[in-house]
């Protein structure tokens, strides 16, 4: 809705925040984050699909935070994403930080 409804300094962060693009849409462009979230929180013992790490009795909540784009991202955006997670009460962080370049 374009408003910081919860007064935390981030507009439209209903499901998390995109620190790469600076908006409330943390959807990943290649589906990797969605796959990882399903691996963590996919309900088990229900006879459907793939089982996640969490049991069906666990109260798992996923907070999507994005700081990388198709061409990489900034370390400062990664730090802001982790600071945001702490501010919002995250107890655990699962991170996929990719790098397609070379290292010497």
C-alpha atoms as a PDB file:
ATOM      1  CA  UNK A   1       0.000   0.000   0.000  1.00  0.00           C
ATOM      2  CA  UNK A   2       3.056   2.272  -0.069  1.00  0.00           C
ATOM      3  CA  UNK A   3       2.900   3.005   3.670  1.00  0.00           C
ATOM      4  CA  UNK A   4       5.148   1.953   6.560  1.00  0.00           C
ATOM      5  CA  UNK A   5       2.197   0.497   8.477  1.00  0.00           C
ATOM      6  CA  UNK A   6       4.229  -0.923  11.368  1.00  0.00           C
ATOM      7  CA  UNK A   7       6.511   2.102  11.773  1.00  0.00           C
ATOM      8  CA  UNK A   8       9.760   0.123  11.468  1.00  0.00           C
ATOM      9  CA  UNK A   9      11.199   2.309   8.696  1.00  0.00           C
ATOM     10  CA  UNK A  10      10.463  -0.133   5.834  1.00  0.00           C
ATOM     11  CA  UNK A  11       7.529   0.330   3.476  1.00  0.00           C
ATOM     12  CA  UNK A  12       5.400  -2.716   2.562  1.00  0.00           C
ATOM     13  CA  UNK A  13       7.630  -5.254   4.345  1.00  0.00           C
ATOM     14  CA  UNK A  14       4.783  -7.704   4.935  1.00  0.00           C
ATOM     15  CA  UNK A  15       6.850 -10.781   3.959  1.00  0.00           C
ATOM     16  CA  UNK A  16      10.347  -9.326   4.333  1.00  0.00           C
ATOM     17  CA  UNK A  17      12.352  -6.794   2.362  1.00  0.00           C
ATOM     18  CA  UNK A  18      14.464  -6.521  -0.776  1.00  0.00           C
ATOM     19  CA  UNK A  19      17.639  -4.640   0.136  1.00  0.00           C
ATOM     20  CA  UNK A  20      18.975  -4.961  -3.405  1.00  0.00           C
ATOM     21  CA  UNK A  21      16.061  -3.115  -5.018  1.00  0.00           C
ATOM     22  CA  UNK A  22      14.979  -1.188  -1.912  1.00  0.00           C
ATOM     23  CA  UNK A  23      11.364  -2.361  -1.826  1.00  0.00           C
ATOM     24  CA  UNK A  24       8.991  -4.681   0.003  1.00  0.00           C
ATOM     25  CA  UNK A  25       9.089  -7.417  -2.661  1.00  0.00           C
ATOM     26  CA  UNK A  26      11.810  -9.911  -1.655  1.00  0.00           C
ATOM     27  CA  UNK A  27      10.889 -12.480  -4.339  1.00  0.00           C
ATOM     28  CA  UNK A  28      13.937 -14.126  -5.828  1.00  0.00           C
ATOM     29  CA  UNK A  29      14.295 -14.160  -9.581  1.00  0.00           C
ATOM     30  CA  UNK A  30      15.522 -17.719  -9.985  1.00  0.00           C
ATOM     31  CA  UNK A  31      13.512 -19.598  -7.348  1.00  0.00           C
ATOM     32  CA  UNK A  32      16.513 -20.605  -5.226  1.00  0.00           C
ATOM     33  CA  UNK A  33      15.259 -18.842  -2.094  1.00  0.00           C
ATOM     34  CA  UNK A  34      11.831 -20.388  -2.522  1.00  0.00           C
ATOM     35  CA  UNK A  35      13.418 -23.826  -2.818  1.00  0.00           C
ATOM     36  CA  UNK A  36      15.495 -23.262   0.333  1.00  0.00           C
ATOM     37  CA  UNK A  37      12.465 -22.027   2.287  1.00  0.00           C
ATOM     38  CA  UNK A  38      10.551 -25.156   1.286  1.00  0.00           C
ATOM     39  CA  UNK A  39      13.448 -27.340   2.400  1.00  0.00           C
ATOM     40  CA  UNK A  40      13.328 -25.671   5.810  1.00  0.00           C
ATOM     41  CA  UNK A  41       9.609 -25.290   6.399  1.00  0.00           C
ATOM     42  CA  UNK A  42       7.933 -27.914   4.208  1.00  0.00           C
ATOM     43  CA  UNK A  43       5.391 -29.764   6.336  1.00  0.00           C
ATOM     44  CA  UNK A  44       6.199 -33.395   6.999  1.00  0.00           C
ATOM     45  CA  UNK A  45       4.111 -36.485   7.696  1.00  0.00           C
ATOM     46  CA  UNK A  46       1.302 -35.372   5.409  1.00  0.00           C
ATOM     47  CA  UNK A  47       1.941 -37.648   2.423  1.00  0.00           C
ATOM     48  CA  UNK A  48       2.362 -34.697   0.060  1.00  0.00           C
ATOM     49  CA  UNK A  49       5.402 -33.479  -1.845  1.00  0.00           C
ATOM     50  CA  UNK A  50       8.778 -33.113  -0.209  1.00  0.00           C
ATOM     51  CA  UNK A  51       9.317 -33.088   3.537  1.00  0.00           C
ATOM     52  CA  UNK A  52      11.085 -30.119   5.082  1.00  0.00           C
ATOM     53  CA  UNK A  53      13.554 -30.087   7.935  1.00  0.00           C
ATOM     54  CA  UNK A  54      10.989 -28.735  10.413  1.00  0.00           C
ATOM     55  CA  UNK A  55       8.388 -31.104  11.783  1.00  0.00           C
ATOM     56  CA  UNK A  56       4.714 -30.511  11.203  1.00  0.00           C
ATOM     57  CA  UNK A  57       4.399 -29.417  14.820  1.00  0.00           C
ATOM     58  CA  UNK A  58       7.102 -26.753  14.614  1.00  0.00           C
ATOM     59  CA  UNK A  59       5.956 -23.166  14.376  1.00  0.00           C
ATOM     60  CA  UNK A  60       8.222 -22.181  11.510  1.00  0.00           C
ATOM     61  CA  UNK A  61       7.985 -18.671  10.101  1.00  0.00           C
ATOM     62  CA  UNK A  62       9.909 -17.558   7.026  1.00  0.00           C
ATOM     63  CA  UNK A  63      11.129 -13.986   6.562  1.00  0.00           C
ATOM     64  CA  UNK A  64      12.339 -13.408   3.018  1.00  0.00           C
ATOM     65  CA  UNK A  65      15.266 -11.004   2.733  1.00  0.00           C
ATOM     66  CA  UNK A  66      17.005 -10.350  -0.562  1.00  0.00           C
ATOM     67  CA  UNK A  67      20.238  -8.465  -1.109  1.00  0.00           C
ATOM     68  CA  UNK A  68      21.649 -10.089  -4.241  1.00  0.00           C
ATOM     69  CA  UNK A  69      20.529  -9.469  -7.811  1.00  0.00           C
ATOM     70  CA  UNK A  70      21.387 -11.095 -11.138  1.00  0.00           C
ATOM     71  CA  UNK A  71      24.773  -9.355 -11.181  1.00  0.00           C
ATOM     72  CA  UNK A  72      25.619  -9.695  -7.487  1.00  0.00           C
ATOM     73  CA  UNK A  73      25.105  -7.230  -4.685  1.00  0.00           C
ATOM     74  CA  UNK A  74      26.698  -5.060  -2.050  1.00  0.00           C
ATOM     75  CA  UNK A  75      28.089  -6.182   1.300  1.00  0.00           C
ATOM     76  CA  UNK A  76      26.326  -3.193   2.878  1.00  0.00           C
ATOM     77  CA  UNK A  77      22.964  -4.564   1.667  1.00  0.00           C
ATOM     78  CA  UNK A  78      23.795  -7.943   3.243  1.00  0.00           C
ATOM     79  CA  UNK A  79      24.590  -6.258   6.557  1.00  0.00           C
ATOM     80  CA  UNK A  80      21.354  -4.241   6.404  1.00  0.00           C
ATOM     81  CA  UNK A  81      19.392  -7.448   5.720  1.00  0.00           C
ATOM     82  CA  UNK A  82      20.904  -9.196   8.744  1.00  0.00           C
ATOM     83  CA  UNK A  83      20.345  -6.110  10.925  1.00  0.00           C
ATOM     84  CA  UNK A  84      16.708  -6.082   9.773  1.00  0.00           C
ATOM     85  CA  UNK A  85      16.313  -9.772  10.654  1.00  0.00           C
ATOM     86  CA  UNK A  86      17.639  -9.163  14.165  1.00  0.00           C
ATOM     87  CA  UNK A  87      15.408  -6.102  14.578  1.00  0.00           C
ATOM     88  CA  UNK A  88      12.377  -8.160  13.510  1.00  0.00           C
ATOM     89  CA  UNK A  89      13.163 -10.916  16.037  1.00  0.00           C
ATOM     90  CA  UNK A  90      14.702 -13.640  13.882  1.00  0.00           C
ATOM     91  CA  UNK A  91      16.157 -16.457  15.973  1.00  0.00           C
ATOM     92  CA  UNK A  92      17.892 -18.289  13.122  1.00  0.00           C
ATOM     93  CA  UNK A  93      19.266 -17.230   9.758  1.00  0.00           C
ATOM     94  CA  UNK A  94      19.748 -19.468   6.735  1.00  0.00           C
ATOM     95  CA  UNK A  95      21.752 -17.740   4.019  1.00  0.00           C
ATOM     96  CA  UNK A  96      22.603 -18.557   0.423  1.00  0.00           C
ATOM     97  CA  UNK A  97      25.294 -16.169  -0.711  1.00  0.00           C
ATOM     98  CA  UNK A  98      26.428 -16.923  -4.201  1.00  0.00           C
ATOM     99  CA  UNK A  99      29.379 -15.682  -6.193  1.00  0.00           C
ATOM    100  CA  UNK A 100      29.853 -16.454  -9.874  1.00  0.00           C
ATOM    101  CA  UNK A 101      33.196 -14.703 -10.270  1.00  0.00           C
ATOM    102  CA  UNK A 102      36.713 -15.877  -9.656  1.00  0.00           C
ATOM    103  CA  UNK A 103      38.994 -15.490  -6.694  1.00  0.00           C
ATOM    104  CA  UNK A 104      42.763 -15.087  -6.906  1.00  0.00           C
END
